[in-house]
Amino acid sequence: METLPEAERAKVALYLNLDMIASPNFGYFVYDGDGSTFNITGPPGSGAIEQLLKDYFEEVGLPTRPSNSDGRSDYAPFMEVGIPIGAVFTGAEGIKTAEQAALWGGQADVACKST
């Protein structure tokens, strides 16, 4: 993104990060694009992406939980130049809680790691 000309950046409508989605001890996490949970708001449009993803998962009967969009993943360069971001992921190094295990299955007190 650093070297992409502004005219080319303007062609990028949004960035979706499908991160760590092959986990045996997964969760359904959606990045907090509107900042309502973690107080880090993504570029304009990020909240709409978050809502679209949450609505989809709700429609198919899969509960989600918010995830912090703190800029430490592949989406960060897009976020830094104002491109709306959205993401789902299964947990990575976070430890699955008992509540999350009850919600999604899997094993509590073990990392929601990818394979």
PDB file of N, CA and C in Angstrom:
ATOM      1  N   MET A   1       0.812  -1.189   0.000  1.00  0.00           N
ATOM      2  CA  MET A   1       0.000   0.000   0.000  1.00  0.00           C
ATOM      3  C   MET A   1       0.858   1.257   0.000  1.00  0.00           C
ATOM      4  N   GLU A   2       2.053   1.159   0.547  1.00  0.00           N
ATOM      5  CA  GLU A   2       2.925   2.334   0.617  1.00  0.00           C
ATOM      6  C   GLU A   2       3.274   2.874  -0.760  1.00  0.00           C
ATOM      7  N   THR A   3       3.442   2.005  -1.725  1.00  0.00           N
ATOM      8  CA  THR A   3       3.876   2.451  -3.047  1.00  0.00           C
ATOM      9  C   THR A   3       2.741   2.512  -4.070  1.00  0.00           C
ATOM     10  N   LEU A   4       1.555   2.111  -3.681  1.00  0.00           N
ATOM     11  CA  LEU A   4       0.423   2.128  -4.606  1.00  0.00           C
ATOM     12  C   LEU A   4      -0.037   3.562  -4.830  1.00  0.00           C
ATOM     13  N   PRO A   5      -0.083   4.011  -6.067  1.00  0.00           N
ATOM     14  CA  PRO A   5      -0.516   5.384  -6.330  1.00  0.00           C
ATOM     15  C   PRO A   5      -1.937   5.636  -5.824  1.00  0.00           C
ATOM     16  N   GLU A   6      -2.195   6.850  -5.432  1.00  0.00           N
ATOM     17  CA  GLU A   6      -3.500   7.235  -4.886  1.00  0.00           C
ATOM     18  C   GLU A   6      -4.637   6.877  -5.837  1.00  0.00           C
ATOM     19  N   ALA A   7      -4.442   7.047  -7.130  1.00  0.00           N
ATOM     20  CA  ALA A   7      -5.488   6.709  -8.108  1.00  0.00           C
ATOM     21  C   ALA A   7      -5.825   5.224  -8.052  1.00  0.00           C
ATOM     22  N   GLU A   8      -4.826   4.387  -7.803  1.00  0.00           N
ATOM     23  CA  GLU A   8      -5.058   2.943  -7.688  1.00  0.00           C
ATOM     24  C   GLU A   8      -5.703   2.602  -6.342  1.00  0.00           C
ATOM     25  N   ARG A   9      -5.269   3.266  -5.280  1.00  0.00           N
ATOM     26  CA  ARG A   9      -5.887   3.053  -3.965  1.00  0.00           C
ATOM     27  C   ARG A   9      -7.376   3.354  -4.010  1.00  0.00           C
ATOM     28  N   ALA A  10      -7.738   4.381  -4.743  1.00  0.00           N
ATOM     29  CA  ALA A  10      -9.140   4.793  -4.833  1.00  0.00           C
ATOM     30  C   ALA A  10     -10.011   3.709  -5.467  1.00  0.00           C
ATOM     31  N   LYS A  11      -9.405   2.785  -6.174  1.00  0.00           N
ATOM     32  CA  LYS A  11     -10.150   1.686  -6.806  1.00  0.00           C
ATOM     33  C   LYS A  11     -10.454   0.549  -5.829  1.00  0.00           C
ATOM     34  N   VAL A  12      -9.815   0.554  -4.673  1.00  0.00           N
ATOM     35  CA  VAL A  12     -10.008  -0.510  -3.686  1.00  0.00           C
ATOM     36  C   VAL A  12     -11.188  -0.128  -2.791  1.00  0.00           C
ATOM     37  N   ALA A  13     -12.289  -0.871  -2.935  1.00  0.00           N
ATOM     38  CA  ALA A  13     -13.511  -0.541  -2.193  1.00  0.00           C
ATOM     39  C   ALA A  13     -13.411  -0.945  -0.726  1.00  0.00           C
ATOM     40  N   LEU A  14     -12.793  -2.084  -0.458  1.00  0.00           N
ATOM     41  CA  LEU A  14     -12.698  -2.578   0.918  1.00  0.00           C
ATOM     42  C   LEU A  14     -11.706  -3.723   0.971  1.00  0.00           C
ATOM     43  N   TYR A  15     -11.335  -4.077   2.178  1.00  0.00           N
ATOM     44  CA  TYR A  15     -10.434  -5.206   2.378  1.00  0.00           C
ATOM     45  C   TYR A  15     -11.089  -6.157   3.366  1.00  0.00           C
ATOM     46  N   LEU A  16     -11.257  -7.414   2.963  1.00  0.00           N
ATOM     47  CA  LEU A  16     -11.779  -8.454   3.840  1.00  0.00           C
ATOM     48  C   LEU A  16     -10.640  -9.389   4.213  1.00  0.00           C
ATOM     49  N   ASN A  17     -10.460  -9.585   5.487  1.00  0.00           N
ATOM     50  CA  ASN A  17      -9.422 -10.473   5.988  1.00  0.00           C
ATOM     51  C   ASN A  17     -10.105 -11.712   6.564  1.00  0.00           C
ATOM     52  N   LEU A  18      -9.845 -12.845   5.946  1.00  0.00           N
ATOM     53  CA  LEU A  18     -10.376 -14.114   6.435  1.00  0.00           C
ATOM     54  C   LEU A  18      -9.203 -14.824   7.092  1.00  0.00           C
ATOM     55  N   ASP A  19      -9.059 -14.570   8.373  1.00  0.00           N
ATOM     56  CA  ASP A  19      -7.833 -14.897   9.075  1.00  0.00           C
ATOM     57  C   ASP A  19      -8.008 -16.089  10.007  1.00  0.00           C
ATOM     58  N   MET A  20      -7.044 -16.992   9.968  1.00  0.00           N
ATOM     59  CA  MET A  20      -7.003 -18.126  10.891  1.00  0.00           C
ATOM     60  C   MET A  20      -8.313 -18.903  10.860  1.00  0.00           C
ATOM     61  N   ILE A  21      -8.780 -19.263   9.683  1.00  0.00           N
ATOM     62  CA  ILE A  21     -10.105 -19.878   9.580  1.00  0.00           C
ATOM     63  C   ILE A  21     -10.093 -21.401   9.548  1.00  0.00           C
ATOM     64  N   ALA A  22      -8.949 -22.017   9.761  1.00  0.00           N
ATOM     65  CA  ALA A  22      -8.871 -23.476   9.754  1.00  0.00           C
ATOM     66  C   ALA A  22      -8.457 -23.977  11.134  1.00  0.00           C
ATOM     67  N   SER A  23      -9.284 -23.724  12.115  1.00  0.00           N
ATOM     68  CA  SER A  23      -8.938 -24.073  13.481  1.00  0.00           C
ATOM     69  C   SER A  23      -9.754 -25.252  13.987  1.00  0.00           C
ATOM     70  N   PRO A  24      -9.122 -26.203  14.660  1.00  0.00           N
ATOM     71  CA  PRO A  24      -9.878 -27.306  15.253  1.00  0.00           C
ATOM     72  C   PRO A  24     -10.605 -26.886  16.537  1.00  0.00           C
ATOM     73  N   ASN A  25     -10.265 -25.762  17.096  1.00  0.00           N
ATOM     74  CA  ASN A  25     -10.885 -25.278  18.342  1.00  0.00           C
ATOM     75  C   ASN A  25     -11.358 -23.839  18.115  1.00  0.00           C
ATOM     76  N   PHE A  26     -12.195 -23.680  17.107  1.00  0.00           N
ATOM     77  CA  PHE A  26     -12.552 -22.382  16.545  1.00  0.00           C
ATOM     78  C   PHE A  26     -13.584 -21.603  17.360  1.00  0.00           C
ATOM     79  N   GLY A  27     -13.655 -20.336  16.997  1.00  0.00           N
ATOM     80  CA  GLY A  27     -14.740 -19.454  17.396  1.00  0.00           C
ATOM     81  C   GLY A  27     -15.164 -18.686  16.163  1.00  0.00           C
ATOM     82  N   TYR A  28     -16.246 -17.954  16.267  1.00  0.00           N
ATOM     83  CA  TYR A  28     -16.693 -17.089  15.171  1.00  0.00           C
ATOM     84  C   TYR A  28     -16.546 -15.643  15.644  1.00  0.00           C
ATOM     85  N   PHE A  29     -15.445 -15.031  15.287  1.00  0.00           N
ATOM     86  CA  PHE A  29     -15.152 -13.665  15.686  1.00  0.00           C
ATOM     87  C   PHE A  29     -15.249 -12.742  14.483  1.00  0.00           C
ATOM     88  N   VAL A  30     -15.840 -11.582  14.683  1.00  0.00           N
ATOM     89  CA  VAL A  30     -15.988 -10.562  13.640  1.00  0.00           C
ATOM     90  C   VAL A  30     -15.313  -9.299  14.144  1.00  0.00           C
ATOM     91  N   TYR A  31     -14.475  -8.701  13.304  1.00  0.00           N
ATOM     92  CA  TYR A  31     -13.763  -7.492  13.710  1.00  0.00           C
ATOM     93  C   TYR A  31     -14.723  -6.352  14.015  1.00  0.00           C
ATOM     94  N   ASP A  32     -14.418  -5.637  15.067  1.00  0.00           N
ATOM     95  CA  ASP A  32     -15.211  -4.510  15.559  1.00  0.00           C
ATOM     96  C   ASP A  32     -14.921  -3.273  14.703  1.00  0.00           C
ATOM     97  N   GLY A  33     -15.512  -3.211  13.528  1.00  0.00           N
ATOM     98  CA  GLY A  33     -15.244  -2.113  12.603  1.00  0.00           C
ATOM     99  C   GLY A  33     -15.789  -0.776  13.025  1.00  0.00           C
ATOM    100  N   ASP A  34     -16.876  -0.779  13.813  1.00  0.00           N
ATOM    101  CA  ASP A  34     -17.479   0.493  14.228  1.00  0.00           C
ATOM    102  C   ASP A  34     -16.940   1.007  15.557  1.00  0.00           C
ATOM    103  N   GLY A  35     -16.083   0.236  16.210  1.00  0.00           N
ATOM    104  CA  GLY A  35     -15.476   0.672  17.463  1.00  0.00           C
ATOM    105  C   GLY A  35     -16.374   0.579  18.676  1.00  0.00           C
ATOM    106  N   SER A  36     -17.532  -0.054  18.549  1.00  0.00           N
ATOM    107  CA  SER A  36     -18.493  -0.082  19.653  1.00  0.00           C
ATOM    108  C   SER A  36     -18.065  -0.968  20.819  1.00  0.00           C
ATOM    109  N   THR A  37     -17.164  -1.901  20.583  1.00  0.00           N
ATOM    110  CA  THR A  37     -16.727  -2.794  21.654  1.00  0.00           C
ATOM    111  C   THR A  37     -15.328  -2.451  22.147  1.00  0.00           C
ATOM    112  N   PHE A  38     -14.400  -2.202  21.244  1.00  0.00           N
ATOM    113  CA  PHE A  38     -13.002  -2.000  21.626  1.00  0.00           C
ATOM    114  C   PHE A  38     -12.521  -0.560  21.464  1.00  0.00           C
ATOM    115  N   ASN A  39     -13.418   0.321  21.044  1.00  0.00           N
ATOM    116  CA  ASN A  39     -13.112   1.748  20.923  1.00  0.00           C
ATOM    117  C   ASN A  39     -11.989   2.038  19.933  1.00  0.00           C
ATOM    118  N   ILE A  40     -11.845   1.178  18.926  1.00  0.00           N
ATOM    119  CA  ILE A  40     -10.934   1.430  17.817  1.00  0.00           C
ATOM    120  C   ILE A  40     -11.790   1.353  16.558  1.00  0.00           C
ATOM    121  N   THR A  41     -12.084   2.492  15.983  1.00  0.00           N
ATOM    122  CA  THR A  41     -12.961   2.546  14.821  1.00  0.00           C
ATOM    123  C   THR A  41     -12.144   2.417  13.550  1.00  0.00           C
ATOM    124  N   GLY A  42     -12.594   1.532  12.663  1.00  0.00           N
ATOM    125  CA  GLY A  42     -11.947   1.388  11.367  1.00  0.00           C
ATOM    126  C   GLY A  42     -12.314   2.548  10.465  1.00  0.00           C
ATOM    127  N   PRO A  43     -11.721   2.622   9.298  1.00  0.00           N
ATOM    128  CA  PRO A  43     -12.064   3.667   8.338  1.00  0.00           C
ATOM    129  C   PRO A  43     -13.563   3.639   8.016  1.00  0.00           C
ATOM    130  N   PRO A  44     -14.117   4.764   7.573  1.00  0.00           N
ATOM    131  CA  PRO A  44     -15.543   4.804   7.221  1.00  0.00           C
ATOM    132  C   PRO A  44     -15.915   3.634   6.305  1.00  0.00           C
ATOM    133  N   GLY A  45     -16.995   2.973   6.646  1.00  0.00           N
ATOM    134  CA  GLY A  45     -17.449   1.791   5.923  1.00  0.00           C
ATOM    135  C   GLY A  45     -17.147   0.508   6.676  1.00  0.00           C
ATOM    136  N   SER A  46     -16.197   0.535   7.591  1.00  0.00           N
ATOM    137  CA  SER A  46     -15.817  -0.662   8.347  1.00  0.00           C
ATOM    138  C   SER A  46     -16.956  -1.147   9.235  1.00  0.00           C
ATOM    139  N   GLY A  47     -17.696  -0.226   9.806  1.00  0.00           N
ATOM    140  CA  GLY A  47     -18.841  -0.607  10.632  1.00  0.00           C
ATOM    141  C   GLY A  47     -19.917  -1.299   9.811  1.00  0.00           C
ATOM    142  N   ALA A  48     -20.115  -0.861   8.576  1.00  0.00           N
ATOM    143  CA  ALA A  48     -21.109  -1.498   7.698  1.00  0.00           C
ATOM    144  C   ALA A  48     -20.674  -2.919   7.338  1.00  0.00           C
ATOM    145  N   ILE A  49     -19.376  -3.120   7.129  1.00  0.00           N
ATOM    146  CA  ILE A  49     -18.865  -4.462   6.837  1.00  0.00           C
ATOM    147  C   ILE A  49     -19.086  -5.356   8.057  1.00  0.00           C
ATOM    148  N   GLU A  50     -18.767  -4.838   9.235  1.00  0.00           N
ATOM    149  CA  GLU A  50     -18.995  -5.594  10.468  1.00  0.00           C
ATOM    150  C   GLU A  50     -20.459  -6.021  10.567  1.00  0.00           C
ATOM    151  N   GLN A  51     -21.359  -5.094  10.348  1.00  0.00           N
ATOM    152  CA  GLN A  51     -22.781  -5.399  10.476  1.00  0.00           C
ATOM    153  C   GLN A  51     -23.234  -6.425   9.443  1.00  0.00           C
ATOM    154  N   LEU A  52     -22.746  -6.309   8.225  1.00  0.00           N
ATOM    155  CA  LEU A  52     -23.083  -7.270   7.177  1.00  0.00           C
ATOM    156  C   LEU A  52     -22.642  -8.682   7.568  1.00  0.00           C
ATOM    157  N   LEU A  53     -21.423  -8.806   8.088  1.00  0.00           N
ATOM    158  CA  LEU A  53     -20.925 -10.113   8.514  1.00  0.00           C
ATOM    159  C   LEU A  53     -21.734 -10.654   9.686  1.00  0.00           C
ATOM    160  N   LYS A  54     -22.022  -9.815  10.670  1.00  0.00           N
ATOM    161  CA  LYS A  54     -22.821 -10.251  11.813  1.00  0.00           C
ATOM    162  C   LYS A  54     -24.217 -10.680  11.377  1.00  0.00           C
ATOM    163  N   ASP A  55     -24.826  -9.911  10.481  1.00  0.00           N
ATOM    164  CA  ASP A  55     -26.157 -10.262   9.980  1.00  0.00           C
ATOM    165  C   ASP A  55     -26.145 -11.611   9.272  1.00  0.00           C
ATOM    166  N   TYR A  56     -25.124 -11.856   8.465  1.00  0.00           N
ATOM    167  CA  TYR A  56     -25.023 -13.133   7.763  1.00  0.00           C
ATOM    168  C   TYR A  56     -24.948 -14.288   8.763  1.00  0.00           C
ATOM    169  N   PHE A  57     -24.030 -14.193   9.713  1.00  0.00           N
ATOM    170  CA  PHE A  57     -23.868 -15.278  10.672  1.00  0.00           C
ATOM    171  C   PHE A  57     -25.141 -15.487  11.493  1.00  0.00           C
ATOM    172  N   GLU A  58     -25.813 -14.401  11.837  1.00  0.00           N
ATOM    173  CA  GLU A  58     -27.079 -14.529  12.558  1.00  0.00           C
ATOM    174  C   GLU A  58     -28.115 -15.248  11.694  1.00  0.00           C
ATOM    175  N   GLU A  59     -28.174 -14.892  10.431  1.00  0.00           N
ATOM    176  CA  GLU A  59     -29.127 -15.506   9.498  1.00  0.00           C
ATOM    177  C   GLU A  59     -28.920 -17.015   9.376  1.00  0.00           C
ATOM    178  N   VAL A  60     -27.673 -17.459   9.422  1.00  0.00           N
ATOM    179  CA  VAL A  60     -27.400 -18.890   9.299  1.00  0.00           C
ATOM    180  C   VAL A  60     -27.291 -19.584  10.658  1.00  0.00           C
ATOM    181  N   GLY A  61     -27.610 -18.862  11.722  1.00  0.00           N
ATOM    182  CA  GLY A  61     -27.669 -19.454  13.052  1.00  0.00           C
ATOM    183  C   GLY A  61     -26.349 -19.668  13.749  1.00  0.00           C
ATOM    184  N   LEU A  62     -25.347 -18.864  13.411  1.00  0.00           N
ATOM    185  CA  LEU A  62     -24.036 -18.978  14.049  1.00  0.00           C
ATOM    186  C   LEU A  62     -23.744 -17.715  14.856  1.00  0.00           C
ATOM    187  N   PRO A  63     -23.737 -17.807  16.168  1.00  0.00           N
ATOM    188  CA  PRO A  63     -23.449 -16.632  16.982  1.00  0.00           C
ATOM    189  C   PRO A  63     -21.994 -16.191  16.845  1.00  0.00           C
ATOM    190  N   THR A  64     -21.782 -14.911  16.880  1.00  0.00           N
ATOM    191  CA  THR A  64     -20.434 -14.346  16.778  1.00  0.00           C
ATOM    192  C   THR A  64     -20.093 -13.577  18.043  1.00  0.00           C
ATOM    193  N   ARG A  65     -18.842 -13.269  18.149  1.00  0.00           N
ATOM    194  CA  ARG A  65     -18.341 -12.378  19.194  1.00  0.00           C
ATOM    195  C   ARG A  65     -17.415 -11.374  18.518  1.00  0.00           C
ATOM    196  N   PRO A  66     -17.304 -10.177  19.085  1.00  0.00           N
ATOM    197  CA  PRO A  66     -16.437  -9.159  18.480  1.00  0.00           C
ATOM    198  C   PRO A  66     -14.958  -9.463  18.693  1.00  0.00           C
ATOM    199  N   SER A  67     -14.167  -8.961  17.771  1.00  0.00           N
ATOM    200  CA  SER A  67     -12.721  -9.062  17.865  1.00  0.00           C
ATOM    201  C   SER A  67     -12.124  -7.680  17.634  1.00  0.00           C
ATOM    202  N   ASN A  68     -11.039  -7.419  18.282  1.00  0.00           N
ATOM    203  CA  ASN A  68     -10.361  -6.134  18.205  1.00  0.00           C
ATOM    204  C   ASN A  68      -9.671  -5.957  16.847  1.00  0.00           C
ATOM    205  N   SER A  69      -9.964  -4.875  16.184  1.00  0.00           N
ATOM    206  CA  SER A  69      -9.273  -4.548  14.930  1.00  0.00           C
ATOM    207  C   SER A  69      -8.172  -3.536  15.229  1.00  0.00           C
ATOM    208  N   ASP A  70      -7.144  -4.017  15.904  1.00  0.00           N
ATOM    209  CA  ASP A  70      -6.089  -3.154  16.420  1.00  0.00           C
ATOM    210  C   ASP A  70      -4.938  -2.915  15.452  1.00  0.00           C
ATOM    211  N   GLY A  71      -5.056  -3.419  14.233  1.00  0.00           N
ATOM    212  CA  GLY A  71      -4.040  -3.142  13.227  1.00  0.00           C
ATOM    213  C   GLY A  71      -2.838  -4.053  13.254  1.00  0.00           C
ATOM    214  N   ARG A  72      -2.966  -5.226  13.859  1.00  0.00           N
ATOM    215  CA  ARG A  72      -1.793  -6.111  13.929  1.00  0.00           C
ATOM    216  C   ARG A  72      -1.857  -7.274  12.957  1.00  0.00           C
ATOM    217  N   SER A  73      -2.587  -7.131  11.883  1.00  0.00           N
ATOM    218  CA  SER A  73      -2.702  -8.215  10.913  1.00  0.00           C
ATOM    219  C   SER A  73      -2.564  -7.662   9.497  1.00  0.00           C
ATOM    220  N   ASP A  74      -2.863  -8.507   8.522  1.00  0.00           N
ATOM    221  CA  ASP A  74      -2.685  -8.153   7.112  1.00  0.00           C
ATOM    222  C   ASP A  74      -3.514  -6.950   6.671  1.00  0.00           C
ATOM    223  N   TYR A  75      -4.578  -6.660   7.378  1.00  0.00           N
ATOM    224  CA  TYR A  75      -5.449  -5.550   6.998  1.00  0.00           C
ATOM    225  C   TYR A  75      -4.876  -4.185   7.391  1.00  0.00           C
ATOM    226  N   ALA A  76      -3.892  -4.143   8.254  1.00  0.00           N
ATOM    227  CA  ALA A  76      -3.378  -2.883   8.797  1.00  0.00           C
ATOM    228  C   ALA A  76      -2.979  -1.865   7.725  1.00  0.00           C
ATOM    229  N   PRO A  77      -2.235  -2.254   6.672  1.00  0.00           N
ATOM    230  CA  PRO A  77      -1.865  -1.253   5.665  1.00  0.00           C
ATOM    231  C   PRO A  77      -3.079  -0.632   4.966  1.00  0.00           C
ATOM    232  N   PHE A  78      -4.127  -1.412   4.799  1.00  0.00           N
ATOM    233  CA  PHE A  78      -5.344  -0.887   4.177  1.00  0.00           C
ATOM    234  C   PHE A  78      -6.033   0.091   5.131  1.00  0.00           C
ATOM    235  N   MET A  79      -6.108  -0.297   6.387  1.00  0.00           N
ATOM    236  CA  MET A  79      -6.712   0.548   7.414  1.00  0.00           C
ATOM    237  C   MET A  79      -5.972   1.881   7.527  1.00  0.00           C
ATOM    238  N   GLU A  80      -4.659   1.821   7.465  1.00  0.00           N
ATOM    239  CA  GLU A  80      -3.831   3.025   7.615  1.00  0.00           C
ATOM    240  C   GLU A  80      -4.062   4.052   6.518  1.00  0.00           C
ATOM    241  N   VAL A  81      -4.457   3.596   5.323  1.00  0.00           N
ATOM    242  CA  VAL A  81      -4.693   4.546   4.224  1.00  0.00           C
ATOM    243  C   VAL A  81      -6.177   4.843   4.025  1.00  0.00           C
ATOM    244  N   GLY A  82      -7.012   4.409   4.994  1.00  0.00           N
ATOM    245  CA  GLY A  82      -8.420   4.777   4.971  1.00  0.00           C
ATOM    246  C   GLY A  82      -9.343   3.864   4.194  1.00  0.00           C
ATOM    247  N   ILE A  83      -8.879   2.675   3.819  1.00  0.00           N
ATOM    248  CA  ILE A  83      -9.724   1.710   3.112  1.00  0.00           C
ATOM    249  C   ILE A  83     -10.516   0.927   4.159  1.00  0.00           C
ATOM    250  N   PRO A  84     -11.839   0.839   4.006  1.00  0.00           N
ATOM    251  CA  PRO A  84     -12.657   0.101   4.977  1.00  0.00           C
ATOM    252  C   PRO A  84     -12.199  -1.352   5.088  1.00  0.00           C
ATOM    253  N   ILE A  85     -12.190  -1.838   6.327  1.00  0.00           N
ATOM    254  CA  ILE A  85     -11.751  -3.213   6.570  1.00  0.00           C
ATOM    255  C   ILE A  85     -12.850  -3.996   7.294  1.00  0.00           C
ATOM    256  N   GLY A  86     -12.816  -5.282   7.084  1.00  0.00           N
ATOM    257  CA  GLY A  86     -13.692  -6.188   7.809  1.00  0.00           C
ATOM    258  C   GLY A  86     -13.018  -7.538   7.867  1.00  0.00           C
ATOM    259  N   ALA A  87     -13.384  -8.334   8.860  1.00  0.00           N
ATOM    260  CA  ALA A  87     -12.724  -9.622   8.978  1.00  0.00           C
ATOM    261  C   ALA A  87     -13.521 -10.582   9.838  1.00  0.00           C
ATOM    262  N   VAL A  88     -13.302 -11.857   9.551  1.00  0.00           N
ATOM    263  CA  VAL A  88     -13.726 -12.932  10.435  1.00  0.00           C
ATOM    264  C   VAL A  88     -12.490 -13.786  10.690  1.00  0.00           C
ATOM    265  N   PHE A  89     -12.441 -14.357  11.866  1.00  0.00           N
ATOM    266  CA  PHE A  89     -11.370 -15.309  12.141  1.00  0.00           C
ATOM    267  C   PHE A  89     -11.809 -16.235  13.258  1.00  0.00           C
ATOM    268  N   THR A  90     -11.024 -17.264  13.497  1.00  0.00           N
ATOM    269  CA  THR A  90     -11.454 -18.298  14.435  1.00  0.00           C
ATOM    270  C   THR A  90     -10.781 -18.237  15.789  1.00  0.00           C
ATOM    271  N   GLY A  91      -9.867 -17.315  15.983  1.00  0.00           N
ATOM    272  CA  GLY A  91      -9.352 -17.139  17.318  1.00  0.00           C
ATOM    273  C   GLY A  91      -7.863 -17.003  17.496  1.00  0.00           C
ATOM    274  N   ALA A  92      -7.057 -17.668  16.721  1.00  0.00           N
ATOM    275  CA  ALA A  92      -5.594 -17.598  16.821  1.00  0.00           C
ATOM    276  C   ALA A  92      -5.107 -18.004  18.209  1.00  0.00           C
ATOM    277  N   GLU A  93      -4.300 -17.155  18.832  1.00  0.00           N
ATOM    278  CA  GLU A  93      -3.653 -17.531  20.086  1.00  0.00           C
ATOM    279  C   GLU A  93      -4.509 -17.305  21.326  1.00  0.00           C
ATOM    280  N   GLY A  94      -5.685 -16.708  21.180  1.00  0.00           N
ATOM    281  CA  GLY A  94      -6.560 -16.482  22.337  1.00  0.00           C
ATOM    282  C   GLY A  94      -7.040 -17.794  22.936  1.00  0.00           C
ATOM    283  N   ILE A  95      -7.219 -17.811  24.234  1.00  0.00           N
ATOM    284  CA  ILE A  95      -7.679 -19.004  24.937  1.00  0.00           C
ATOM    285  C   ILE A  95      -9.209 -19.022  24.929  1.00  0.00           C
ATOM    286  N   LYS A  96      -9.787 -20.132  24.504  1.00  0.00           N
ATOM    287  CA  LYS A  96     -11.240 -20.264  24.440  1.00  0.00           C
ATOM    288  C   LYS A  96     -11.793 -20.355  25.855  1.00  0.00           C
ATOM    289  N   THR A  97     -12.782 -19.526  26.126  1.00  0.00           N
ATOM    290  CA  THR A  97     -13.420 -19.522  27.439  1.00  0.00           C
ATOM    291  C   THR A  97     -14.476 -20.617  27.519  1.00  0.00           C
ATOM    292  N   ALA A  98     -14.939 -20.882  28.724  1.00  0.00           N
ATOM    293  CA  ALA A  98     -16.015 -21.854  28.918  1.00  0.00           C
ATOM    294  C   ALA A  98     -17.282 -21.394  28.208  1.00  0.00           C
ATOM    295  N   GLU A  99     -17.553 -20.082  28.251  1.00  0.00           N
ATOM    296  CA  GLU A  99     -18.734 -19.546  27.555  1.00  0.00           C
ATOM    297  C   GLU A  99     -18.625 -19.788  26.050  1.00  0.00           C
ATOM    298  N   GLN A 100     -17.452 -19.555  25.488  1.00  0.00           N
ATOM    299  CA  GLN A 100     -17.249 -19.758  24.053  1.00  0.00           C
ATOM    300  C   GLN A 100     -17.353 -21.235  23.681  1.00  0.00           C
ATOM    301  N   ALA A 101     -16.829 -22.117  24.522  1.00  0.00           N
ATOM    302  CA  ALA A 101     -16.939 -23.558  24.257  1.00  0.00           C
ATOM    303  C   ALA A 101     -18.401 -23.988  24.286  1.00  0.00           C
ATOM    304  N   ALA A 102     -19.183 -23.431  25.205  1.00  0.00           N
ATOM    305  CA  ALA A 102     -20.612 -23.747  25.261  1.00  0.00           C
ATOM    306  C   ALA A 102     -21.327 -23.212  24.019  1.00  0.00           C
ATOM    307  N   LEU A 103     -20.882 -22.074  23.519  1.00  0.00           N
ATOM    308  CA  LEU A 103     -21.498 -21.431  22.364  1.00  0.00           C
ATOM    309  C   LEU A 103     -21.176 -22.148  21.056  1.00  0.00           C
ATOM    310  N   TRP A 104     -19.914 -22.536  20.865  1.00  0.00           N
ATOM    311  CA  TRP A 104     -19.442 -23.063  19.582  1.00  0.00           C
ATOM    312  C   TRP A 104     -18.943 -24.503  19.635  1.00  0.00           C
ATOM    313  N   GLY A 105     -18.859 -25.088  20.804  1.00  0.00           N
ATOM    314  CA  GLY A 105     -18.230 -26.396  20.927  1.00  0.00           C
ATOM    315  C   GLY A 105     -16.731 -26.236  21.084  1.00  0.00           C
ATOM    316  N   GLY A 106     -16.047 -27.333  21.095  1.00  0.00           N
ATOM    317  CA  GLY A 106     -14.601 -27.277  21.276  1.00  0.00           C
ATOM    318  C   GLY A 106     -14.220 -27.362  22.733  1.00  0.00           C
ATOM    319  N   GLN A 107     -12.987 -27.024  23.017  1.00  0.00           N
ATOM    320  CA  GLN A 107     -12.420 -27.220  24.337  1.00  0.00           C
ATOM    321  C   GLN A 107     -12.069 -25.891  24.992  1.00  0.00           C
ATOM    322  N   ALA A 108     -12.608 -25.660  26.181  1.00  0.00           N
ATOM    323  CA  ALA A 108     -12.289 -24.455  26.954  1.00  0.00           C
ATOM    324  C   ALA A 108     -10.857 -24.549  27.497  1.00  0.00           C
ATOM    325  N   ASP A 109     -10.287 -23.405  27.779  1.00  0.00           N
ATOM    326  CA  ASP A 109      -8.948 -23.280  28.352  1.00  0.00           C
ATOM    327  C   ASP A 109      -7.847 -23.779  27.427  1.00  0.00           C
ATOM    328  N   VAL A 110      -8.146 -23.840  26.128  1.00  0.00           N
ATOM    329  CA  VAL A 110      -7.171 -24.222  25.112  1.00  0.00           C
ATOM    330  C   VAL A 110      -7.215 -23.135  24.048  1.00  0.00           C
ATOM    331  N   ALA A 111      -6.093 -22.874  23.406  1.00  0.00           N
ATOM    332  CA  ALA A 111      -6.039 -21.831  22.378  1.00  0.00           C
ATOM    333  C   ALA A 111      -6.991 -22.117  21.226  1.00  0.00           C
ATOM    334  N   CYS A 112      -7.569 -21.062  20.699  1.00  0.00           N
ATOM    335  CA  CYS A 112      -8.373 -21.137  19.466  1.00  0.00           C
ATOM    336  C   CYS A 112      -7.399 -21.019  18.300  1.00  0.00           C
ATOM    337  N   LYS A 113      -6.506 -21.955  18.178  1.00  0.00           N
ATOM    338  CA  LYS A 113      -5.413 -21.826  17.219  1.00  0.00           C
ATOM    339  C   LYS A 113      -5.750 -22.434  15.872  1.00  0.00           C
ATOM    340  N   SER A 114      -5.048 -21.973  14.878  1.00  0.00           N
ATOM    341  CA  SER A 114      -5.227 -22.530  13.536  1.00  0.00           C
ATOM    342  C   SER A 114      -4.343 -23.753  13.382  1.00  0.00           C
ATOM    343  N   THR A 115      -4.679 -24.560  12.378  1.00  0.00           N
ATOM    344  CA  THR A 115      -3.873 -25.768  12.140  1.00  0.00           C
ATOM    345  C   THR A 115      -2.738 -25.455  11.197  1.00  0.00           C
TER     346      THR A 115
END
